Amino acid sequence: MEVLAIFIVLFLGLRVMISLVNLLSGLHLADNKPAAFPKVSVLIPARNEEVALGVLLTGLQQVQYPELEIIVCDDHSSDNTEEILNWFSGEDDRVHWFLGEKLPDDWLGKNFACHQLAQKAIGKYLIFLDADVELSPDTIS
């Protein structure tokens, strides 16, 4: 029992000494926040997603990340997706959209839309989202 008590006293004494040295030396842990925010591209392939796309883009408008671009590929929708995209791109200069190219024979639809989106993105990081995703404002932070 005495050995345990001595060990505890020595251990606590060592911890106090280390804490005092750290306090008096002025050393601090480095801030882990990046000095600059890297550009993030949110890429959304969409086909006939007028309702879901409005919800997603409304959520993305709430994101406060400073270096954000939002690109939507309208994959030849037959609903009001284009009107929704025109409205959001007029409201928020981070939102851009384009009409997807004609599907080549050796590609699948969504894969080709994602490929086109990646080619247009300029962000260091690419985030691919389905149109039916809902985000919180701090998702990208």
N, C-alpha and C. Protein backbone atom coordinates (compact mmCIF):
# COMPACT_ATOMS: atom_id res chain seq x y z
N MET A 1 0.82 -1.19 0.00
CA MET A 1 0.00 0.00 0.00
C MET A 1 0.87 1.25 0.00
N GLU A 2 1.99 1.20 0.73
CA GLU A 2 2.90 2.35 0.75
C GLU A 2 3.49 2.60 -0.63
N VAL A 3 3.79 1.53 -1.35
CA VAL A 3 4.38 1.68 -2.69
C VAL A 3 3.38 2.39 -3.62
N LEU A 4 2.14 2.01 -3.50
CA LEU A 4 1.10 2.65 -4.32
C LEU A 4 0.97 4.13 -3.97
N ALA A 5 0.99 4.46 -2.69
CA ALA A 5 0.89 5.85 -2.26
C ALA A 5 2.08 6.66 -2.76
N ILE A 6 3.29 6.08 -2.70
CA ILE A 6 4.49 6.77 -3.18
C ILE A 6 4.38 6.98 -4.70
N PHE A 7 3.94 5.97 -5.41
CA PHE A 7 3.78 6.08 -6.86
C PHE A 7 2.79 7.19 -7.22
N ILE A 8 1.67 7.25 -6.51
CA ILE A 8 0.66 8.28 -6.79
C ILE A 8 1.23 9.67 -6.52
N VAL A 9 1.92 9.84 -5.41
CA VAL A 9 2.51 11.15 -5.08
C VAL A 9 3.55 11.55 -6.13
N LEU A 10 4.41 10.62 -6.53
CA LEU A 10 5.42 10.92 -7.55
C LEU A 10 4.76 11.26 -8.89
N PHE A 11 3.76 10.50 -9.25
CA PHE A 11 3.07 10.74 -10.52
C PHE A 11 2.40 12.11 -10.52
N LEU A 12 1.68 12.43 -9.45
CA LEU A 12 1.01 13.72 -9.38
C LEU A 12 2.03 14.86 -9.33
N GLY A 13 3.12 14.66 -8.62
CA GLY A 13 4.18 15.68 -8.57
C GLY A 13 4.77 15.94 -9.94
N LEU A 14 5.01 14.87 -10.69
CA LEU A 14 5.54 15.00 -12.04
C LEU A 14 4.55 15.75 -12.94
N ARG A 15 3.27 15.44 -12.83
CA ARG A 15 2.25 16.12 -13.63
C ARG A 15 2.19 17.61 -13.30
N VAL A 16 2.31 17.95 -12.01
CA VAL A 16 2.30 19.36 -11.62
C VAL A 16 3.52 20.08 -12.19
N MET A 17 4.68 19.44 -12.14
CA MET A 17 5.91 20.04 -12.68
C MET A 17 5.77 20.26 -14.19
N ILE A 18 5.26 19.29 -14.89
CA ILE A 18 5.07 19.43 -16.35
C ILE A 18 4.10 20.57 -16.65
N SER A 19 3.03 20.66 -15.88
CA SER A 19 2.06 21.73 -16.09
C SER A 19 2.68 23.09 -15.83
N LEU A 20 3.49 23.21 -14.80
CA LEU A 20 4.16 24.48 -14.51
C LEU A 20 5.14 24.87 -15.61
N VAL A 21 5.91 23.91 -16.10
CA VAL A 21 6.85 24.19 -17.19
C VAL A 21 6.09 24.66 -18.43
N ASN A 22 5.00 23.98 -18.76
CA ASN A 22 4.19 24.39 -19.92
C ASN A 22 3.61 25.79 -19.73
N LEU A 23 3.13 26.07 -18.54
CA LEU A 23 2.53 27.36 -18.25
C LEU A 23 3.56 28.48 -18.32
N LEU A 24 4.72 28.27 -17.72
CA LEU A 24 5.75 29.31 -17.65
C LEU A 24 6.51 29.49 -18.96
N SER A 25 6.58 28.47 -19.77
CA SER A 25 7.33 28.56 -21.03
C SER A 25 6.56 29.31 -22.11
N GLY A 26 5.27 29.47 -21.96
CA GLY A 26 4.48 30.18 -22.95
C GLY A 26 4.18 29.36 -24.20
N LEU A 27 4.48 28.09 -24.20
CA LEU A 27 4.19 27.25 -25.35
C LEU A 27 2.70 26.93 -25.39
N HIS A 28 2.13 27.05 -26.57
CA HIS A 28 0.72 26.75 -26.73
C HIS A 28 0.54 25.85 -27.94
N LEU A 29 -0.49 25.06 -27.92
CA LEU A 29 -0.80 24.23 -29.08
C LEU A 29 -1.19 25.12 -30.25
N ALA A 30 -0.78 24.73 -31.41
CA ALA A 30 -1.11 25.49 -32.62
C ALA A 30 -2.60 25.39 -32.90
N ASP A 31 -3.15 26.46 -33.42
CA ASP A 31 -4.55 26.46 -33.82
C ASP A 31 -4.71 25.54 -35.03
N ASN A 32 -5.65 24.62 -34.96
CA ASN A 32 -5.78 23.64 -36.04
C ASN A 32 -6.71 24.11 -37.16
N LYS A 33 -7.15 25.36 -37.12
CA LYS A 33 -7.97 25.89 -38.21
C LYS A 33 -7.06 26.25 -39.38
N PRO A 34 -7.52 26.01 -40.58
CA PRO A 34 -6.68 26.34 -41.74
C PRO A 34 -6.52 27.85 -41.88
N ALA A 35 -5.35 28.27 -42.35
CA ALA A 35 -5.10 29.69 -42.55
C ALA A 35 -6.02 30.25 -43.63
N ALA A 36 -6.27 29.47 -44.64
CA ALA A 36 -7.18 29.88 -45.71
C ALA A 36 -8.15 28.73 -45.97
N PHE A 37 -9.32 29.07 -46.40
CA PHE A 37 -10.32 28.04 -46.68
C PHE A 37 -10.13 27.54 -48.11
N PRO A 38 -9.92 26.24 -48.28
CA PRO A 38 -9.80 25.72 -49.65
C PRO A 38 -11.16 25.76 -50.34
N LYS A 39 -11.13 25.92 -51.64
CA LYS A 39 -12.36 25.96 -52.44
C LYS A 39 -13.02 24.59 -52.41
N VAL A 40 -14.31 24.57 -52.14
CA VAL A 40 -15.10 23.33 -52.12
C VAL A 40 -16.17 23.44 -53.20
N SER A 41 -16.26 22.41 -54.02
CA SER A 41 -17.27 22.35 -55.07
C SER A 41 -18.33 21.32 -54.69
N VAL A 42 -19.57 21.77 -54.57
CA VAL A 42 -20.70 20.86 -54.34
C VAL A 42 -21.31 20.59 -55.71
N LEU A 43 -21.33 19.32 -56.08
CA LEU A 43 -21.73 18.92 -57.43
C LEU A 43 -22.99 18.06 -57.36
N ILE A 44 -24.01 18.46 -58.11
CA ILE A 44 -25.32 17.82 -58.01
C ILE A 44 -25.82 17.42 -59.39
N PRO A 45 -25.86 16.11 -59.68
CA PRO A 45 -26.52 15.67 -60.90
C PRO A 45 -28.04 15.64 -60.66
N ALA A 46 -28.81 16.18 -61.58
CA ALA A 46 -30.26 16.25 -61.35
C ALA A 46 -31.02 15.93 -62.64
N ARG A 47 -32.03 15.11 -62.48
CA ARG A 47 -32.96 14.83 -63.59
C ARG A 47 -34.36 14.73 -63.00
N ASN A 48 -35.21 15.64 -63.40
CA ASN A 48 -36.60 15.68 -62.91
C ASN A 48 -36.65 15.73 -61.38
N GLU A 49 -35.95 16.69 -60.80
CA GLU A 49 -35.83 16.81 -59.35
C GLU A 49 -36.33 18.16 -58.85
N GLU A 50 -37.36 18.72 -59.48
CA GLU A 50 -37.76 20.09 -59.16
C GLU A 50 -38.08 20.30 -57.68
N VAL A 51 -38.77 19.37 -57.04
CA VAL A 51 -39.15 19.55 -55.64
C VAL A 51 -37.94 19.36 -54.72
N ALA A 52 -37.25 18.25 -54.88
CA ALA A 52 -36.11 17.95 -54.00
C ALA A 52 -34.98 18.95 -54.20
N LEU A 53 -34.75 19.38 -55.41
CA LEU A 53 -33.66 20.30 -55.71
C LEU A 53 -33.87 21.65 -55.04
N GLY A 54 -35.11 22.11 -54.99
CA GLY A 54 -35.40 23.36 -54.30
C GLY A 54 -35.06 23.29 -52.83
N VAL A 55 -35.38 22.17 -52.20
CA VAL A 55 -35.07 21.98 -50.78
C VAL A 55 -33.56 21.95 -50.57
N LEU A 56 -32.84 21.21 -51.41
CA LEU A 56 -31.39 21.11 -51.28
C LEU A 56 -30.72 22.46 -51.49
N LEU A 57 -31.09 23.17 -52.54
CA LEU A 57 -30.45 24.46 -52.81
C LEU A 57 -30.78 25.50 -51.74
N THR A 58 -31.98 25.44 -51.18
CA THR A 58 -32.31 26.32 -50.06
C THR A 58 -31.39 26.03 -48.88
N GLY A 59 -31.15 24.75 -48.60
CA GLY A 59 -30.23 24.38 -47.52
C GLY A 59 -28.81 24.82 -47.81
N LEU A 60 -28.37 24.68 -49.06
CA LEU A 60 -27.01 25.09 -49.42
C LEU A 60 -26.84 26.61 -49.34
N GLN A 61 -27.90 27.36 -49.55
CA GLN A 61 -27.81 28.82 -49.40
C GLN A 61 -27.50 29.21 -47.96
N GLN A 62 -27.85 28.36 -47.02
CA GLN A 62 -27.61 28.65 -45.60
C GLN A 62 -26.18 28.33 -45.17
N VAL A 63 -25.45 27.60 -45.99
CA VAL A 63 -24.08 27.22 -45.66
C VAL A 63 -23.21 28.47 -45.67
N GLN A 64 -22.45 28.68 -44.60
CA GLN A 64 -21.64 29.88 -44.45
C GLN A 64 -20.18 29.69 -44.85
N TYR A 65 -19.85 28.57 -45.46
CA TYR A 65 -18.47 28.32 -45.86
C TYR A 65 -18.08 29.35 -46.92
N PRO A 66 -16.96 30.08 -46.73
CA PRO A 66 -16.65 31.21 -47.62
C PRO A 66 -16.22 30.85 -49.04
N GLU A 67 -15.64 29.70 -49.25
CA GLU A 67 -15.13 29.33 -50.58
C GLU A 67 -15.93 28.15 -51.13
N LEU A 68 -17.17 28.42 -51.47
CA LEU A 68 -18.09 27.36 -51.90
C LEU A 68 -18.63 27.67 -53.28
N GLU A 69 -18.60 26.67 -54.14
CA GLU A 69 -19.30 26.77 -55.42
C GLU A 69 -20.27 25.60 -55.49
N ILE A 70 -21.43 25.87 -56.08
CA ILE A 70 -22.48 24.86 -56.22
C ILE A 70 -22.77 24.73 -57.71
N ILE A 71 -22.57 23.54 -58.24
CA ILE A 71 -22.79 23.32 -59.67
C ILE A 71 -23.80 22.18 -59.84
N VAL A 72 -24.82 22.43 -60.65
CA VAL A 72 -25.85 21.43 -60.91
C VAL A 72 -25.82 21.09 -62.40
N CYS A 73 -25.84 19.81 -62.70
CA CYS A 73 -25.97 19.34 -64.08
C CYS A 73 -27.42 18.90 -64.28
N ASP A 74 -28.16 19.65 -65.09
CA ASP A 74 -29.52 19.25 -65.44
C ASP A 74 -29.42 18.23 -66.56
N ASP A 75 -29.73 16.99 -66.22
CA ASP A 75 -29.57 15.88 -67.15
C ASP A 75 -30.84 15.71 -67.99
N HIS A 76 -31.19 16.77 -68.73
CA HIS A 76 -32.33 16.77 -69.66
C HIS A 76 -33.66 16.47 -68.95
N SER A 77 -33.93 17.25 -67.91
CA SER A 77 -35.18 17.10 -67.16
C SER A 77 -36.38 17.50 -68.01
N SER A 78 -37.51 16.86 -67.73
CA SER A 78 -38.75 17.21 -68.43
C SER A 78 -39.73 17.93 -67.51
N ASP A 79 -39.33 18.22 -66.27
CA ASP A 79 -40.18 18.95 -65.34
C ASP A 79 -39.68 20.40 -65.26
N ASN A 80 -39.91 21.06 -64.14
CA ASN A 80 -39.52 22.47 -63.97
C ASN A 80 -38.14 22.64 -63.35
N THR A 81 -37.29 21.66 -63.47
CA THR A 81 -35.94 21.75 -62.89
C THR A 81 -35.20 22.97 -63.42
N GLU A 82 -35.29 23.23 -64.70
CA GLU A 82 -34.57 24.37 -65.29
C GLU A 82 -35.02 25.71 -64.69
N GLU A 83 -36.32 25.87 -64.47
CA GLU A 83 -36.82 27.11 -63.88
C GLU A 83 -36.32 27.27 -62.45
N ILE A 84 -36.30 26.17 -61.70
CA ILE A 84 -35.78 26.20 -60.33
C ILE A 84 -34.31 26.62 -60.36
N LEU A 85 -33.53 26.04 -61.26
CA LEU A 85 -32.11 26.36 -61.35
C LEU A 85 -31.88 27.81 -61.78
N ASN A 86 -32.67 28.30 -62.71
CA ASN A 86 -32.55 29.71 -63.11
C ASN A 86 -32.82 30.64 -61.93
N TRP A 87 -33.83 30.32 -61.14
CA TRP A 87 -34.16 31.16 -60.00
C TRP A 87 -33.02 31.17 -58.98
N PHE A 88 -32.53 29.98 -58.60
CA PHE A 88 -31.48 29.92 -57.58
C PHE A 88 -30.17 30.53 -58.08
N SER A 89 -29.83 30.34 -59.34
CA SER A 89 -28.58 30.93 -59.85
C SER A 89 -28.70 32.46 -59.92
N GLY A 90 -29.91 32.97 -60.08
CA GLY A 90 -30.11 34.42 -60.03
C GLY A 90 -30.06 34.98 -58.62
N GLU A 91 -30.44 34.17 -57.64
CA GLU A 91 -30.45 34.60 -56.25
C GLU A 91 -29.09 34.48 -55.55
N ASP A 92 -28.29 33.53 -55.95
CA ASP A 92 -27.04 33.22 -55.25
C ASP A 92 -25.94 33.01 -56.29
N ASP A 93 -24.92 33.87 -56.28
CA ASP A 93 -23.88 33.77 -57.30
C ASP A 93 -22.95 32.58 -57.11
N ARG A 94 -23.15 31.81 -56.04
CA ARG A 94 -22.38 30.57 -55.86
C ARG A 94 -23.01 29.41 -56.63
N VAL A 95 -24.25 29.59 -57.07
CA VAL A 95 -24.99 28.52 -57.75
C VAL A 95 -24.85 28.68 -59.27
N HIS A 96 -24.37 27.63 -59.91
CA HIS A 96 -24.24 27.59 -61.37
C HIS A 96 -24.86 26.28 -61.86
N TRP A 97 -25.33 26.29 -63.07
CA TRP A 97 -25.90 25.06 -63.62
C TRP A 97 -25.66 25.03 -65.12
N PHE A 98 -25.76 23.84 -65.66
CA PHE A 98 -25.63 23.66 -67.10
C PHE A 98 -26.46 22.46 -67.52
N LEU A 99 -26.83 22.46 -68.79
CA LEU A 99 -27.56 21.33 -69.37
C LEU A 99 -26.54 20.28 -69.79
N GLY A 100 -26.72 19.08 -69.30
CA GLY A 100 -25.77 18.01 -69.60
C GLY A 100 -25.69 17.69 -71.09
N GLU A 101 -24.54 17.18 -71.48
CA GLU A 101 -24.34 16.79 -72.88
C GLU A 101 -25.13 15.51 -73.17
N LYS A 102 -25.26 15.23 -74.45
CA LYS A 102 -25.93 14.00 -74.88
C LYS A 102 -25.14 12.80 -74.37
N LEU A 103 -25.85 11.81 -73.89
CA LEU A 103 -25.22 10.63 -73.29
C LEU A 103 -24.51 9.79 -74.35
N PRO A 104 -23.20 9.58 -74.21
CA PRO A 104 -22.49 8.68 -75.13
C PRO A 104 -22.95 7.23 -74.94
N ASP A 105 -22.74 6.42 -75.94
CA ASP A 105 -23.20 5.03 -75.91
C ASP A 105 -22.58 4.21 -74.78
N ASP A 106 -21.35 4.50 -74.42
CA ASP A 106 -20.66 3.66 -73.44
C ASP A 106 -20.72 4.21 -72.01
N TRP A 107 -21.64 5.12 -71.72
CA TRP A 107 -21.77 5.71 -70.39
C TRP A 107 -23.17 5.43 -69.84
N LEU A 108 -23.27 5.49 -68.50
CA LEU A 108 -24.57 5.49 -67.83
C LEU A 108 -24.91 6.93 -67.47
N GLY A 109 -26.19 7.24 -67.34
CA GLY A 109 -26.64 8.61 -67.17
C GLY A 109 -26.03 9.36 -66.01
N LYS A 110 -26.19 8.84 -64.80
CA LYS A 110 -25.72 9.57 -63.63
C LYS A 110 -24.19 9.64 -63.61
N ASN A 111 -23.54 8.57 -64.00
CA ASN A 111 -22.07 8.59 -64.04
C ASN A 111 -21.56 9.66 -64.99
N PHE A 112 -22.19 9.80 -66.14
CA PHE A 112 -21.76 10.80 -67.12
C PHE A 112 -22.03 12.21 -66.59
N ALA A 113 -23.15 12.39 -65.92
CA ALA A 113 -23.45 13.70 -65.33
C ALA A 113 -22.40 14.06 -64.27
N CYS A 114 -22.01 13.10 -63.44
CA CYS A 114 -20.97 13.34 -62.43
C CYS A 114 -19.63 13.65 -63.09
N HIS A 115 -19.33 12.96 -64.16
CA HIS A 115 -18.09 13.22 -64.91
C HIS A 115 -18.06 14.65 -65.43
N GLN A 116 -19.17 15.10 -66.00
CA GLN A 116 -19.24 16.46 -66.52
C GLN A 116 -19.11 17.49 -65.39
N LEU A 117 -19.73 17.20 -64.27
CA LEU A 117 -19.64 18.10 -63.11
C LEU A 117 -18.20 18.22 -62.64
N ALA A 118 -17.51 17.09 -62.53
CA ALA A 118 -16.12 17.12 -62.06
C ALA A 118 -15.23 17.92 -63.01
N GLN A 119 -15.51 17.86 -64.29
CA GLN A 119 -14.72 18.62 -65.26
C GLN A 119 -14.93 20.12 -65.11
N LYS A 120 -16.09 20.54 -64.68
CA LYS A 120 -16.38 21.97 -64.55
C LYS A 120 -15.98 22.53 -63.19
N ALA A 121 -15.78 21.67 -62.20
CA ALA A 121 -15.48 22.13 -60.85
C ALA A 121 -14.07 22.70 -60.76
N ILE A 122 -13.92 23.72 -59.90
CA ILE A 122 -12.60 24.29 -59.68
C ILE A 122 -12.14 24.11 -58.23
N GLY A 123 -12.95 23.48 -57.40
CA GLY A 123 -12.61 23.32 -56.00
C GLY A 123 -11.50 22.31 -55.77
N LYS A 124 -10.81 22.50 -54.64
CA LYS A 124 -9.80 21.53 -54.20
C LYS A 124 -10.49 20.24 -53.75
N TYR A 125 -11.67 20.40 -53.17
CA TYR A 125 -12.45 19.25 -52.71
C TYR A 125 -13.77 19.22 -53.47
N LEU A 126 -14.17 18.03 -53.89
CA LEU A 126 -15.42 17.84 -54.62
C LEU A 126 -16.39 17.04 -53.75
N ILE A 127 -17.59 17.56 -53.59
CA ILE A 127 -18.63 16.86 -52.83
C ILE A 127 -19.79 16.59 -53.79
N PHE A 128 -20.05 15.33 -54.05
CA PHE A 128 -21.15 14.94 -54.93
C PHE A 128 -22.37 14.66 -54.06
N LEU A 129 -23.49 15.30 -54.37
CA LEU A 129 -24.73 15.11 -53.61
C LEU A 129 -25.86 14.73 -54.55
N ASP A 130 -26.73 13.85 -54.07
CA ASP A 130 -27.99 13.60 -54.77
C ASP A 130 -28.91 14.78 -54.47
N ALA A 131 -29.85 15.02 -55.33
CA ALA A 131 -30.74 16.17 -55.18
C ALA A 131 -31.68 16.03 -53.98
N ASP A 132 -31.88 14.82 -53.48
CA ASP A 132 -32.81 14.63 -52.37
C ASP A 132 -32.14 14.65 -51.00
N VAL A 133 -30.94 15.21 -50.91
CA VAL A 133 -30.21 15.30 -49.65
C VAL A 133 -30.61 16.59 -48.94
N GLU A 134 -30.71 16.55 -47.60
CA GLU A 134 -30.95 17.75 -46.81
C GLU A 134 -29.73 17.98 -45.93
N LEU A 135 -29.26 19.24 -45.86
CA LEU A 135 -28.04 19.57 -45.14
C LEU A 135 -28.33 20.53 -43.99
N SER A 136 -27.44 20.51 -43.00
CA SER A 136 -27.48 21.54 -41.97
C SER A 136 -26.49 22.64 -42.38
N PRO A 137 -26.64 23.86 -41.86
CA PRO A 137 -25.78 24.96 -42.29
C PRO A 137 -24.29 24.75 -42.03
N ASP A 138 -23.94 23.91 -41.08
CA ASP A 138 -22.51 23.70 -40.77
C ASP A 138 -21.96 22.42 -41.39
N THR A 139 -22.66 21.82 -42.32
CA THR A 139 -22.23 20.56 -42.91
C THR A 139 -20.85 20.65 -43.53
N ILE A 140 -20.55 21.71 -44.23
CA ILE A 140 -19.30 21.80 -44.96
C ILE A 140 -18.19 22.41 -44.12
N SER A 141 -18.53 23.13 -43.06
CA SER A 141 -17.48 23.71 -42.22
C SER A 141 -16.58 22.64 -41.70
